[in-house]
């Protein structure tokens, strides 16, 4: 029996760009969990009166990179977390990087808006925040996949 090739999610980084000409990225402080991006392909109904076997026919349409959701230990005075609130308030499209802890440190780059910020202050746990980034455009998988048509 062979050993698993799975990788722990521990060490995954979500970084925020500074928007500069030679953009530099900083890891968002104390990220606890990350979900997404969640990719989908929209379809167009092309069914007609003589569609084969009376089945619906669809055609591919727009691709959607979806959202990235993440939870943090909320640190109100930390710059990377403050930037998320500023970007939300100003409706700023920001560049982000998701860096996985695999051997090659695979990095996905994308542009997104902060579309949700939810703060929690439980009695028996740390201050927390759940944040949603809605991706605009394609995720850059450069070096990972050949996505040329």
N, C-alpha and C. Protein backbone atom coordinates (compact mmCIF):
# COMPACT_ATOMS: atom_id res chain seq x y z
N UNK A 1 0.84 -1.18 0.00
CA UNK A 1 0.00 0.00 0.00
C UNK A 1 0.89 1.25 0.00
N UNK A 2 0.58 2.18 -0.87
CA UNK A 2 1.40 3.39 -0.94
C UNK A 2 0.93 4.44 0.06
N UNK A 3 1.86 5.29 0.44
CA UNK A 3 1.54 6.38 1.37
C UNK A 3 0.77 7.48 0.66
N UNK A 4 -0.03 8.19 1.42
CA UNK A 4 -0.80 9.30 0.85
C UNK A 4 0.11 10.39 0.31
N UNK A 5 -0.37 11.06 -0.70
CA UNK A 5 0.34 12.22 -1.22
C UNK A 5 -0.37 13.51 -0.80
N UNK A 6 -1.37 13.37 0.08
CA UNK A 6 -2.10 14.52 0.58
C UNK A 6 -1.20 15.47 1.35
N UNK A 7 -1.59 16.72 1.40
CA UNK A 7 -0.83 17.75 2.09
C UNK A 7 -1.73 18.44 3.10
N UNK A 8 -1.24 18.68 4.28
CA UNK A 8 -1.98 19.42 5.30
C UNK A 8 -2.21 20.85 4.82
N UNK A 9 -3.35 21.41 5.19
CA UNK A 9 -3.64 22.81 4.86
C UNK A 9 -2.86 23.78 5.74
N UNK A 10 -2.27 23.26 6.83
CA UNK A 10 -1.50 24.12 7.73
C UNK A 10 -0.36 24.78 6.97
N UNK A 11 -0.21 26.07 7.11
CA UNK A 11 0.84 26.80 6.42
C UNK A 11 0.37 27.51 5.16
N UNK A 12 -0.90 27.31 4.76
CA UNK A 12 -1.43 28.03 3.61
C UNK A 12 -1.50 29.52 3.96
N UNK A 13 -1.09 30.36 3.02
CA UNK A 13 -1.07 31.81 3.23
C UNK A 13 -2.05 32.49 2.29
N UNK A 14 -2.76 33.49 2.82
CA UNK A 14 -3.56 34.38 2.00
C UNK A 14 -2.92 35.75 2.13
N UNK A 15 -2.48 36.28 0.99
CA UNK A 15 -1.75 37.55 1.00
C UNK A 15 -2.52 38.63 0.26
N UNK A 16 -2.33 39.86 0.71
CA UNK A 16 -2.98 41.02 0.12
C UNK A 16 -1.92 41.92 -0.51
N UNK A 17 -2.21 42.40 -1.72
CA UNK A 17 -1.29 43.28 -2.42
C UNK A 17 -1.39 44.72 -1.94
N UNK A 18 -0.31 45.46 -2.14
CA UNK A 18 -0.29 46.86 -1.70
C UNK A 18 -0.74 47.83 -2.78
N UNK A 19 -0.98 47.32 -3.99
CA UNK A 19 -1.46 48.18 -5.08
C UNK A 19 -0.39 49.02 -5.73
N UNK A 20 0.86 48.83 -5.33
CA UNK A 20 1.96 49.62 -5.89
C UNK A 20 2.34 49.18 -7.28
N UNK A 21 3.18 49.99 -7.95
CA UNK A 21 3.65 49.68 -9.30
C UNK A 21 4.37 48.35 -9.36
N UNK A 22 5.32 48.13 -8.46
CA UNK A 22 5.94 46.83 -8.29
C UNK A 22 5.29 46.25 -7.04
N UNK A 23 4.15 45.62 -7.26
CA UNK A 23 3.31 45.22 -6.13
C UNK A 23 3.99 44.21 -5.23
N UNK A 24 3.90 44.47 -3.93
CA UNK A 24 4.38 43.50 -2.95
C UNK A 24 3.17 43.02 -2.16
N UNK A 25 3.28 41.79 -1.66
CA UNK A 25 2.18 41.13 -0.97
C UNK A 25 2.58 40.84 0.47
N UNK A 26 1.60 40.96 1.38
CA UNK A 26 1.80 40.70 2.79
C UNK A 26 0.76 39.70 3.25
N UNK A 27 1.16 38.73 4.05
CA UNK A 27 0.22 37.73 4.55
C UNK A 27 -0.78 38.37 5.50
N UNK A 28 -2.06 38.05 5.32
CA UNK A 28 -3.10 38.53 6.22
C UNK A 28 -2.91 37.83 7.56
N UNK A 29 -2.96 38.59 8.64
CA UNK A 29 -2.65 38.08 9.97
C UNK A 29 -3.67 37.06 10.48
N UNK A 30 -3.16 36.01 11.06
CA UNK A 30 -3.89 34.99 11.82
C UNK A 30 -5.12 34.42 11.11
N UNK A 31 -4.92 34.01 9.85
CA UNK A 31 -5.98 33.32 9.11
C UNK A 31 -6.13 31.91 9.71
N UNK A 32 -7.38 31.53 9.99
CA UNK A 32 -7.65 30.23 10.61
C UNK A 32 -8.12 29.18 9.61
N UNK A 33 -8.86 29.60 8.61
CA UNK A 33 -9.36 28.67 7.60
C UNK A 33 -9.68 29.43 6.33
N UNK A 34 -9.59 28.73 5.21
CA UNK A 34 -9.85 29.34 3.90
C UNK A 34 -10.70 28.37 3.09
N UNK A 35 -11.71 28.90 2.42
CA UNK A 35 -12.49 28.09 1.45
C UNK A 35 -12.50 28.83 0.12
N UNK A 36 -12.49 28.05 -0.94
CA UNK A 36 -12.53 28.65 -2.28
C UNK A 36 -11.13 28.87 -2.82
N UNK A 37 -11.06 29.35 -4.03
CA UNK A 37 -12.15 29.77 -4.90
C UNK A 37 -13.06 28.59 -5.26
N UNK A 38 -14.29 28.92 -5.58
CA UNK A 38 -15.25 27.90 -6.01
C UNK A 38 -15.65 28.21 -7.45
N UNK A 39 -15.05 27.46 -8.36
CA UNK A 39 -15.20 27.72 -9.79
C UNK A 39 -16.50 27.12 -10.33
N UNK A 40 -17.10 27.84 -11.28
CA UNK A 40 -18.30 27.32 -11.94
C UNK A 40 -18.32 27.78 -13.39
N UNK A 41 -19.10 27.06 -14.17
CA UNK A 41 -19.28 27.38 -15.59
C UNK A 41 -20.76 27.56 -15.84
N UNK A 42 -21.15 28.75 -16.28
CA UNK A 42 -22.54 29.00 -16.61
C UNK A 42 -22.84 28.35 -17.95
N UNK A 43 -24.11 28.01 -18.15
CA UNK A 43 -24.51 27.42 -19.42
C UNK A 43 -25.71 28.17 -19.98
N UNK A 44 -25.86 28.05 -21.29
CA UNK A 44 -26.98 28.66 -22.01
C UNK A 44 -27.85 27.52 -22.52
N UNK A 45 -29.13 27.62 -22.30
CA UNK A 45 -30.05 26.59 -22.78
C UNK A 45 -30.21 26.73 -24.29
N UNK A 46 -29.83 25.71 -25.04
CA UNK A 46 -29.94 25.72 -26.50
C UNK A 46 -30.96 24.70 -26.99
N UNK A 47 -31.83 24.25 -26.09
CA UNK A 47 -32.84 23.25 -26.43
C UNK A 47 -33.78 23.79 -27.51
N UNK A 48 -34.15 22.91 -28.43
CA UNK A 48 -35.09 23.30 -29.49
C UNK A 48 -36.11 22.19 -29.68
N UNK A 49 -37.08 22.42 -30.54
CA UNK A 49 -38.20 21.50 -30.70
C UNK A 49 -37.80 20.10 -31.17
N UNK A 50 -36.62 19.97 -31.77
CA UNK A 50 -36.19 18.64 -32.23
C UNK A 50 -34.89 18.22 -31.57
N UNK A 51 -34.65 18.67 -30.33
CA UNK A 51 -33.45 18.25 -29.60
C UNK A 51 -33.46 16.73 -29.46
N UNK A 52 -32.30 16.08 -29.69
CA UNK A 52 -32.23 14.62 -29.68
C UNK A 52 -32.81 14.01 -28.39
N UNK A 53 -33.67 13.02 -28.57
CA UNK A 53 -34.28 12.25 -27.48
C UNK A 53 -35.07 13.11 -26.51
N UNK A 54 -35.42 14.32 -26.90
CA UNK A 54 -36.19 15.19 -26.02
C UNK A 54 -35.41 15.66 -24.80
N UNK A 55 -34.08 15.67 -24.91
CA UNK A 55 -33.23 16.12 -23.80
C UNK A 55 -32.81 17.56 -24.00
N UNK A 56 -32.62 18.25 -22.90
CA UNK A 56 -32.11 19.61 -22.96
C UNK A 56 -30.70 19.60 -23.52
N UNK A 57 -30.37 20.66 -24.27
CA UNK A 57 -29.03 20.86 -24.78
C UNK A 57 -28.52 22.18 -24.21
N UNK A 58 -27.27 22.18 -23.77
CA UNK A 58 -26.68 23.39 -23.22
C UNK A 58 -25.36 23.69 -23.91
N UNK A 59 -25.01 24.97 -23.88
CA UNK A 59 -23.73 25.43 -24.40
C UNK A 59 -22.99 26.13 -23.27
N UNK A 60 -21.66 26.01 -23.25
CA UNK A 60 -20.91 26.70 -22.20
C UNK A 60 -20.96 28.21 -22.42
N UNK A 61 -20.99 28.95 -21.32
CA UNK A 61 -21.02 30.41 -21.37
C UNK A 61 -19.88 30.96 -20.51
N UNK A 62 -20.17 31.82 -19.59
CA UNK A 62 -19.14 32.46 -18.78
C UNK A 62 -18.61 31.57 -17.67
N UNK A 63 -17.32 31.69 -17.41
CA UNK A 63 -16.70 31.03 -16.26
C UNK A 63 -16.74 32.02 -15.10
N UNK A 64 -16.90 31.48 -13.89
CA UNK A 64 -16.96 32.31 -12.71
C UNK A 64 -15.97 31.75 -11.69
N UNK A 65 -15.08 32.59 -11.19
CA UNK A 65 -14.10 32.15 -10.20
C UNK A 65 -14.66 32.18 -8.78
N UNK A 66 -15.86 32.71 -8.61
CA UNK A 66 -16.55 32.63 -7.34
C UNK A 66 -15.97 33.50 -6.24
N UNK A 67 -15.87 32.89 -5.06
CA UNK A 67 -15.47 33.62 -3.87
C UNK A 67 -14.39 32.87 -3.11
N UNK A 68 -13.69 33.62 -2.28
CA UNK A 68 -12.78 33.06 -1.29
C UNK A 68 -13.29 33.55 0.06
N UNK A 69 -13.61 32.61 0.92
CA UNK A 69 -14.04 32.95 2.27
C UNK A 69 -12.96 32.55 3.25
N UNK A 70 -12.77 33.35 4.28
CA UNK A 70 -11.77 32.98 5.29
C UNK A 70 -12.13 33.55 6.64
N UNK A 71 -11.68 32.84 7.66
CA UNK A 71 -11.88 33.24 9.05
C UNK A 71 -10.55 33.63 9.65
N UNK A 72 -10.57 34.63 10.52
CA UNK A 72 -9.35 35.09 11.19
C UNK A 72 -9.62 35.28 12.67
N UNK A 73 -8.55 35.23 13.46
CA UNK A 73 -8.60 35.78 14.81
C UNK A 73 -8.60 37.28 14.59
N UNK A 74 -9.68 37.95 14.95
CA UNK A 74 -9.82 39.38 14.66
C UNK A 74 -8.86 40.20 15.52
N UNK A 75 -8.00 40.95 14.83
CA UNK A 75 -7.01 41.82 15.47
C UNK A 75 -7.25 43.23 14.95
N UNK A 76 -8.11 44.00 15.64
CA UNK A 76 -8.53 45.31 15.12
C UNK A 76 -7.40 46.27 14.79
N UNK A 77 -6.26 46.18 15.45
CA UNK A 77 -5.18 47.13 15.21
C UNK A 77 -4.14 46.69 14.20
N UNK A 78 -4.34 45.53 13.56
CA UNK A 78 -3.33 45.01 12.63
C UNK A 78 -3.61 45.48 11.20
N UNK A 79 -2.57 45.98 10.55
CA UNK A 79 -2.69 46.60 9.24
C UNK A 79 -3.35 45.78 8.16
N UNK A 80 -2.99 44.49 8.04
CA UNK A 80 -3.56 43.69 6.95
C UNK A 80 -5.06 43.50 7.14
N UNK A 81 -5.50 43.40 8.39
CA UNK A 81 -6.94 43.27 8.63
C UNK A 81 -7.64 44.62 8.48
N UNK A 82 -7.00 45.70 8.89
CA UNK A 82 -7.57 47.05 8.70
C UNK A 82 -7.75 47.34 7.21
N UNK A 83 -6.80 46.88 6.39
CA UNK A 83 -6.87 47.10 4.93
C UNK A 83 -8.14 46.51 4.34
N UNK A 84 -8.57 45.37 4.87
CA UNK A 84 -9.78 44.73 4.37
C UNK A 84 -11.01 45.61 4.62
N UNK A 85 -11.07 46.24 5.80
CA UNK A 85 -12.18 47.14 6.11
C UNK A 85 -12.13 48.38 5.23
N UNK A 86 -10.94 48.92 5.00
CA UNK A 86 -10.78 50.08 4.13
C UNK A 86 -11.21 49.75 2.71
N UNK A 87 -10.77 48.58 2.22
CA UNK A 87 -11.14 48.17 0.86
C UNK A 87 -12.65 47.96 0.74
N UNK A 88 -13.27 47.41 1.78
CA UNK A 88 -14.72 47.24 1.77
C UNK A 88 -15.41 48.61 1.69
N UNK A 89 -15.00 49.53 2.55
CA UNK A 89 -15.60 50.86 2.60
C UNK A 89 -15.44 51.60 1.28
N UNK A 90 -14.26 51.48 0.67
CA UNK A 90 -13.96 52.23 -0.56
C UNK A 90 -14.27 51.46 -1.84
N UNK A 91 -14.77 50.23 -1.71
CA UNK A 91 -15.09 49.39 -2.88
C UNK A 91 -13.87 49.20 -3.77
N UNK A 92 -12.76 48.88 -3.15
CA UNK A 92 -11.48 48.76 -3.87
C UNK A 92 -11.28 47.35 -4.42
N UNK A 93 -10.94 47.27 -5.69
CA UNK A 93 -10.54 46.00 -6.28
C UNK A 93 -9.07 45.79 -5.94
N UNK A 94 -8.76 44.71 -5.24
CA UNK A 94 -7.41 44.47 -4.70
C UNK A 94 -6.88 43.14 -5.24
N UNK A 95 -5.57 43.05 -5.38
CA UNK A 95 -4.92 41.80 -5.77
C UNK A 95 -4.59 40.97 -4.53
N UNK A 96 -4.78 39.66 -4.66
CA UNK A 96 -4.52 38.72 -3.59
C UNK A 96 -3.72 37.54 -4.13
N UNK A 97 -3.05 36.83 -3.22
CA UNK A 97 -2.35 35.59 -3.54
C UNK A 97 -2.75 34.55 -2.53
N UNK A 98 -2.99 33.35 -3.01
CA UNK A 98 -3.25 32.20 -2.16
C UNK A 98 -2.07 31.25 -2.38
N UNK A 99 -1.27 31.05 -1.33
CA UNK A 99 -0.06 30.24 -1.45
C UNK A 99 -0.24 28.96 -0.65
N UNK A 100 -0.18 27.84 -1.35
CA UNK A 100 -0.38 26.53 -0.72
C UNK A 100 0.93 25.99 -0.16
N UNK A 101 0.85 25.15 0.87
CA UNK A 101 2.07 24.63 1.52
C UNK A 101 2.63 23.37 0.87
N UNK A 102 2.42 23.21 -0.44
CA UNK A 102 2.98 22.05 -1.12
C UNK A 102 4.46 22.29 -1.39
N UNK A 103 5.13 21.29 -1.91
CA UNK A 103 6.58 21.37 -2.13
C UNK A 103 6.95 22.55 -3.01
N UNK A 104 6.15 22.84 -4.03
CA UNK A 104 6.45 23.95 -4.94
C UNK A 104 5.89 25.29 -4.50
N UNK A 105 5.25 25.35 -3.34
CA UNK A 105 4.60 26.57 -2.85
C UNK A 105 3.73 27.18 -3.96
N UNK A 106 2.82 26.35 -4.48
CA UNK A 106 1.91 26.78 -5.54
C UNK A 106 1.17 28.05 -5.13
N UNK A 107 1.17 29.04 -6.01
CA UNK A 107 0.51 30.32 -5.73
C UNK A 107 -0.53 30.63 -6.79
N UNK A 108 -1.73 30.95 -6.35
CA UNK A 108 -2.79 31.42 -7.23
C UNK A 108 -2.98 32.90 -6.97
N UNK A 109 -3.08 33.69 -8.05
CA UNK A 109 -3.27 35.14 -7.92
C UNK A 109 -4.63 35.51 -8.47
N UNK A 110 -5.27 36.48 -7.83
CA UNK A 110 -6.58 36.92 -8.29
C UNK A 110 -6.87 38.33 -7.78
N UNK A 111 -7.82 38.99 -8.44
CA UNK A 111 -8.30 40.30 -8.02
C UNK A 111 -9.69 40.11 -7.44
N UNK A 112 -9.97 40.82 -6.34
CA UNK A 112 -11.27 40.62 -5.68
C UNK A 112 -11.69 41.87 -4.92
N UNK A 113 -12.99 41.92 -4.67
CA UNK A 113 -13.58 42.92 -3.79
C UNK A 113 -13.90 42.26 -2.45
N UNK A 114 -13.76 42.99 -1.36
CA UNK A 114 -14.23 42.51 -0.07
C UNK A 114 -15.74 42.74 -0.06
N UNK A 115 -16.52 41.66 -0.02
CA UNK A 115 -17.97 41.79 -0.12
C UNK A 115 -18.70 41.43 1.17
N UNK A 116 -17.99 40.90 2.15
CA UNK A 116 -18.63 40.60 3.42
C UNK A 116 -17.59 40.60 4.53
N UNK A 117 -17.94 41.24 5.64
CA UNK A 117 -17.13 41.24 6.87
C UNK A 117 -18.08 40.98 8.03
N UNK A 118 -17.81 39.94 8.77
CA UNK A 118 -18.68 39.61 9.89
C UNK A 118 -17.82 39.37 11.13
N UNK A 119 -18.05 40.17 12.16
CA UNK A 119 -17.25 40.10 13.38
C UNK A 119 -18.01 39.29 14.43
N UNK A 120 -17.27 38.50 15.22
CA UNK A 120 -17.88 37.78 16.33
C UNK A 120 -17.05 38.01 17.59
N UNK A 121 -17.75 38.17 18.70
CA UNK A 121 -17.11 38.38 20.00
C UNK A 121 -17.76 37.45 21.01
N UNK A 122 -17.45 36.15 20.93
CA UNK A 122 -18.07 35.19 21.85
C UNK A 122 -17.50 35.30 23.26
N UNK A 123 -18.31 34.91 24.20
CA UNK A 123 -17.90 34.95 25.60
C UNK A 123 -16.76 33.98 25.88
N UNK A 124 -16.78 32.83 25.23
CA UNK A 124 -15.83 31.77 25.56
C UNK A 124 -14.84 31.45 24.44
N UNK A 125 -14.54 32.43 23.61
CA UNK A 125 -13.60 32.21 22.51
C UNK A 125 -12.96 33.55 22.14
N UNK A 126 -12.01 33.51 21.20
CA UNK A 126 -11.32 34.72 20.76
C UNK A 126 -12.21 35.56 19.85
N UNK A 127 -11.90 36.86 19.76
CA UNK A 127 -12.56 37.70 18.76
C UNK A 127 -12.31 37.08 17.40
N UNK A 128 -13.32 37.07 16.56
CA UNK A 128 -13.18 36.47 15.24
C UNK A 128 -13.79 37.34 14.17
N UNK A 129 -13.42 37.05 12.94
CA UNK A 129 -14.03 37.71 11.78
C UNK A 129 -14.10 36.70 10.64
N UNK A 130 -15.19 36.75 9.91
CA UNK A 130 -15.35 35.98 8.67
C UNK A 130 -15.41 36.98 7.54
N UNK A 131 -14.59 36.75 6.52
CA UNK A 131 -14.47 37.70 5.41
C UNK A 131 -14.72 36.96 4.10
N UNK A 132 -15.40 37.62 3.18
CA UNK A 132 -15.62 37.05 1.86
C UNK A 132 -15.01 37.98 0.82
N UNK A 133 -14.23 37.39 -0.08
CA UNK A 133 -13.67 38.09 -1.24
C UNK A 133 -14.41 37.57 -2.47
N UNK A 134 -14.98 38.46 -3.27
CA UNK A 134 -15.62 38.05 -4.52
C UNK A 134 -14.66 38.35 -5.65
N UNK A 135 -14.26 37.30 -6.36
CA UNK A 135 -13.23 37.40 -7.40
C UNK A 135 -13.81 38.05 -8.65
N UNK A 136 -13.04 38.97 -9.22
CA UNK A 136 -13.39 39.62 -10.47
C UNK A 136 -12.39 39.15 -11.52
N UNK A 137 -12.86 38.47 -12.56
CA UNK A 137 -11.97 37.98 -13.60
C UNK A 137 -11.46 36.58 -13.30
N UNK A 138 -10.38 36.23 -13.97
CA UNK A 138 -9.82 34.88 -13.87
C UNK A 138 -8.79 34.79 -12.75
N UNK A 139 -8.64 33.59 -12.22
CA UNK A 139 -7.56 33.28 -11.29
C UNK A 139 -6.34 32.94 -12.13
N UNK A 140 -5.19 33.48 -11.78
CA UNK A 140 -3.94 33.24 -12.50
C UNK A 140 -3.27 31.99 -11.91
N UNK A 141 -3.27 30.92 -12.70
CA UNK A 141 -2.64 29.66 -12.30
C UNK A 141 -1.27 29.51 -12.93
N UNK A 142 -0.63 30.60 -13.33
CA UNK A 142 0.63 30.55 -14.07
C UNK A 142 1.58 29.53 -13.46
N UNK A 143 2.09 28.67 -14.32
CA UNK A 143 3.04 27.66 -13.88
C UNK A 143 2.38 26.41 -13.32
N UNK A 144 1.06 26.46 -13.12
CA UNK A 144 0.39 25.31 -12.54
C UNK A 144 -0.32 24.50 -13.63
N UNK A 145 -1.11 25.16 -14.43
CA UNK A 145 -1.90 24.49 -15.46
C UNK A 145 -1.72 25.22 -16.78
N UNK A 146 -1.78 24.49 -17.86
CA UNK A 146 -1.81 25.12 -19.18
C UNK A 146 -3.27 25.33 -19.55
N UNK A 147 -3.76 26.56 -19.44
CA UNK A 147 -5.15 26.85 -19.70
C UNK A 147 -5.37 27.52 -21.05
N UNK A 148 -4.39 27.42 -21.95
CA UNK A 148 -4.56 28.01 -23.26
C UNK A 148 -5.56 27.17 -24.07
N UNK A 149 -6.49 27.85 -24.75
CA UNK A 149 -7.51 27.10 -25.51
C UNK A 149 -6.93 26.39 -26.71
